Each structure stands twice: as C-alpha cells, then as structure tokens.
Amino acid sequence: MKGNLIRSLRGEEGEVLTEYKDHLGYSTIGVGRLIDKRKGGGITKEESAYLLNNDIDKIVEQLDKRISWWETLDEARRGVLVNMAFQMGVDGLLGFKNTLNMIQSGRYSDAAKGMLNSLWAKQTPARAKRMSEQMRTGVWQFKSGM
C-alpha cells in the first residue's frame, strides 16, 4: 500500500526539492511538506539530524576529492575544515590558499593567525575565534551551551 500511496501523493502534490509556496501561499518543500511556521510547519529534530548528517557526508566526500592530504590531520583539525566548508562551501574554504598550505605543512599556529586575518573572521568573529583556536591546539572548541 505504501508504495502506491507514495506514487499517488507524488502525482497529486508534485515534488519540489526547494522551498515553494503552495496554492494558499504557505512555504512548502518536497511532496507537500508544510514548513511555514505561521501554520505550525517545520521539521523534527530527527529530520534535522538526518539532513545535517547528509550535509556533513557530502562535504567530507568533496574534501576527500579536493584536498588529498586533509585526512592526515587529526580529527579536531579536520573538523575545522568541515566546519568552514559547511559555512562557506568547499570553494570558499579553498580560497584560504595560504592558510591551507600552512595547515598542510603542520604550521597550525600560523594557520590559526591566518584564519583570523580574513573577511570570514570579520563576518563571524566568534566562530572564527573558536575554529582558529581548535586549529592551533587540536582540541575541539564548542560554542557555550552546546
């Protein structure tokens, strides 16, 4: 039954993989999934976790392909690169050429300074400070309350 129901609902509702307005003007995504908070829409914590895990996997896959040496780093420093790519995209991270060269050569303190001397650090100073400290020390840094 579920297979036929899915086929029927996809046919009736359509499937849009970006946010769109339904016939009443409410934000919707996927197969008629109401996400408009004005009508109580949204996603669950479990759905958010699923999306986040998928997003992390995609970034890791891209980093595997585009920064061959990154897997030689310890987990916390790899985490910095994933965090930065999550925020700016992998192409944005790759714009940090000098910083990446310093990381590759193990010059973590210099790389941390380079991270703080960037437009990214000016735009998101608290995050940049945490990530630069994590790069410098190899110790995970978390936002307070997380």
Protein backbone atom coordinates (compact mmCIF):
# COMPACT_ATOMS: atom_id res chain seq x y z
CA MET A 1 0.00 0.00 0.00
CA LYS A 2 2.69 2.49 0.94
CA GLY A 3 4.36 2.30 -2.48
CA ASN A 4 1.09 3.09 -4.24
CA LEU A 5 0.30 5.84 -1.75
CA ILE A 6 3.70 7.45 -2.33
CA ARG A 7 3.18 7.27 -6.10
CA SER A 8 -0.30 8.80 -5.73
CA LEU A 9 0.84 11.62 -3.44
CA ARG A 10 3.81 12.47 -5.63
CA GLY A 11 1.44 12.64 -8.59
CA GLU A 12 -1.09 14.83 -6.78
CA GLU A 13 1.29 17.08 -4.87
CA GLY A 14 4.28 17.09 -7.16
CA GLU A 15 7.77 17.05 -5.72
CA VAL A 16 9.81 20.22 -5.38
CA LEU A 17 13.22 19.95 -3.74
CA THR A 18 13.41 23.64 -2.84
CA GLU A 19 11.07 25.83 -0.83
CA TYR A 20 7.98 26.90 -2.73
CA LYS A 21 4.61 28.48 -1.94
CA ASP A 22 1.62 26.18 -2.06
CA HIS A 23 -1.74 27.24 -3.55
CA LEU A 24 -2.53 29.12 -0.30
CA GLY A 25 0.85 30.88 -0.22
CA TYR A 26 2.46 28.82 2.56
CA SER A 27 6.09 27.69 2.45
CA THR A 28 6.29 24.03 1.45
CA ILE A 29 9.02 21.62 0.37
CA GLY A 30 9.29 18.10 -1.03
CA VAL A 31 5.96 16.37 -1.52
CA GLY A 32 3.58 18.89 0.03
CA ARG A 33 5.54 19.18 3.32
CA LEU A 34 4.37 22.34 5.10
CA ILE A 35 7.34 24.19 6.59
CA ASP A 36 5.67 27.56 7.11
CA LYS A 37 5.85 28.40 10.82
CA ARG A 38 2.69 30.54 10.51
CA LYS A 39 0.78 27.27 10.11
CA GLY A 40 2.83 25.18 12.55
CA GLY A 41 5.06 23.74 9.86
CA GLY A 42 8.68 22.75 10.23
CA ILE A 43 10.80 19.67 10.68
CA THR A 44 11.54 17.47 13.66
CA LYS A 45 14.89 17.23 15.48
CA GLU A 46 15.32 13.79 13.92
CA GLU A 47 14.75 15.18 10.43
CA SER A 48 17.20 18.00 11.13
CA ALA A 49 19.80 15.45 12.31
CA TYR A 50 19.25 13.40 9.15
CA LEU A 51 19.78 16.46 6.94
CA LEU A 52 22.87 17.52 8.92
CA ASN A 53 24.42 14.06 8.64
CA ASN A 54 23.83 14.06 4.88
CA ASP A 55 25.34 17.55 4.57
CA ILE A 56 28.44 16.53 6.55
CA ASP A 57 28.86 13.39 4.43
CA LYS A 58 28.69 15.48 1.22
CA ILE A 59 31.33 17.92 2.49
CA VAL A 60 33.65 15.12 3.62
CA GLU A 61 33.28 13.48 0.21
CA GLN A 62 34.17 16.76 -1.53
CA LEU A 63 37.16 17.34 0.78
CA ASP A 64 38.37 13.79 0.08
CA LYS A 65 38.37 14.63 -3.64
CA ARG A 66 39.73 18.17 -3.49
CA ILE A 67 42.22 18.23 -0.58
CA SER A 68 44.10 14.95 -0.82
CA TRP A 69 46.15 15.49 2.35
CA TRP A 70 43.34 16.51 4.68
CA GLU A 71 42.82 13.00 6.07
CA THR A 72 46.34 13.12 7.55
CA LEU A 73 45.11 15.71 10.05
CA ASP A 74 43.83 14.82 13.49
CA GLU A 75 40.06 14.73 13.99
CA ALA A 76 39.74 18.21 15.56
CA ARG A 77 41.65 19.90 12.75
CA ARG A 78 39.68 18.01 10.10
CA GLY A 79 36.63 19.26 11.99
CA VAL A 80 37.76 22.85 11.44
CA LEU A 81 37.92 22.32 7.68
CA VAL A 82 34.49 20.68 7.61
CA ASN A 83 33.06 23.49 9.76
CA MET A 84 34.49 26.16 7.47
CA ALA A 85 33.31 24.33 4.33
CA PHE A 86 29.87 23.92 5.89
CA GLN A 87 29.63 27.68 6.35
CA MET A 88 31.33 28.89 3.15
CA GLY A 89 31.16 25.92 0.83
CA VAL A 90 34.20 23.91 -0.22
CA ASP A 91 35.09 26.53 -2.83
CA GLY A 92 35.06 29.20 -0.11
CA LEU A 93 37.38 27.08 2.04
CA LEU A 94 39.71 26.53 -0.93
CA GLY A 95 40.07 30.33 -1.14
CA PHE A 96 42.19 30.12 2.03
CA LYS A 97 45.23 29.04 -0.03
CA ASN A 98 47.97 30.31 2.31
CA THR A 99 46.18 29.01 5.39
CA LEU A 100 45.68 25.60 3.79
CA ASN A 101 49.36 25.47 2.84
CA MET A 102 50.29 26.22 6.45
CA ILE A 103 47.93 23.52 7.72
CA GLN A 104 49.35 21.00 5.26
CA SER A 105 52.87 21.73 6.49
CA GLY A 106 51.85 21.46 10.16
CA ARG A 107 52.18 25.17 10.93
CA TYR A 108 48.94 25.23 12.91
CA SER A 109 49.63 28.41 14.92
CA ASP A 110 50.41 30.33 11.74
CA ALA A 111 47.32 28.87 10.08
CA ALA A 112 45.21 29.96 13.07
CA LYS A 113 46.55 33.51 12.73
CA GLY A 114 45.81 33.43 9.01
CA MET A 115 42.25 32.32 9.70
CA LEU A 116 41.74 35.33 11.99
CA ASN A 117 43.16 37.68 9.35
CA SER A 118 40.30 37.19 6.89
CA LEU A 119 36.96 38.60 5.81
CA TRP A 120 35.39 35.41 7.22
CA ALA A 121 36.75 36.29 10.68
CA LYS A 122 35.38 39.82 10.39
CA GLN A 123 31.95 38.49 9.38
CA THR A 124 31.71 35.75 12.02
CA PRO A 125 34.32 36.67 14.65
CA ALA A 126 33.22 34.36 17.47
CA ARG A 127 33.06 31.31 15.21
CA ALA A 128 36.39 32.18 13.59
CA LYS A 129 38.00 32.56 17.01
CA ARG A 130 36.75 29.12 18.11
CA MET A 131 37.84 27.48 14.87
CA SER A 132 41.27 29.14 14.90
CA GLU A 133 41.81 28.01 18.50
CA GLN A 134 40.77 24.48 17.52
CA MET A 135 43.23 24.60 14.62
CA ARG A 136 46.02 25.94 16.84
CA THR A 137 45.54 23.42 19.66
CA GLY A 138 43.96 20.38 18.02
CA VAL A 139 41.34 20.46 20.81
CA TRP A 140 37.65 20.70 19.97
CA GLN A 141 36.10 24.09 20.78
CA PHE A 142 32.35 24.39 21.25
CA LYS A 143 30.02 27.34 21.45
CA SER A 144 28.84 27.90 25.02
CA GLY A 145 25.71 25.93 25.84
CA MET A 146 26.31 23.34 23.11
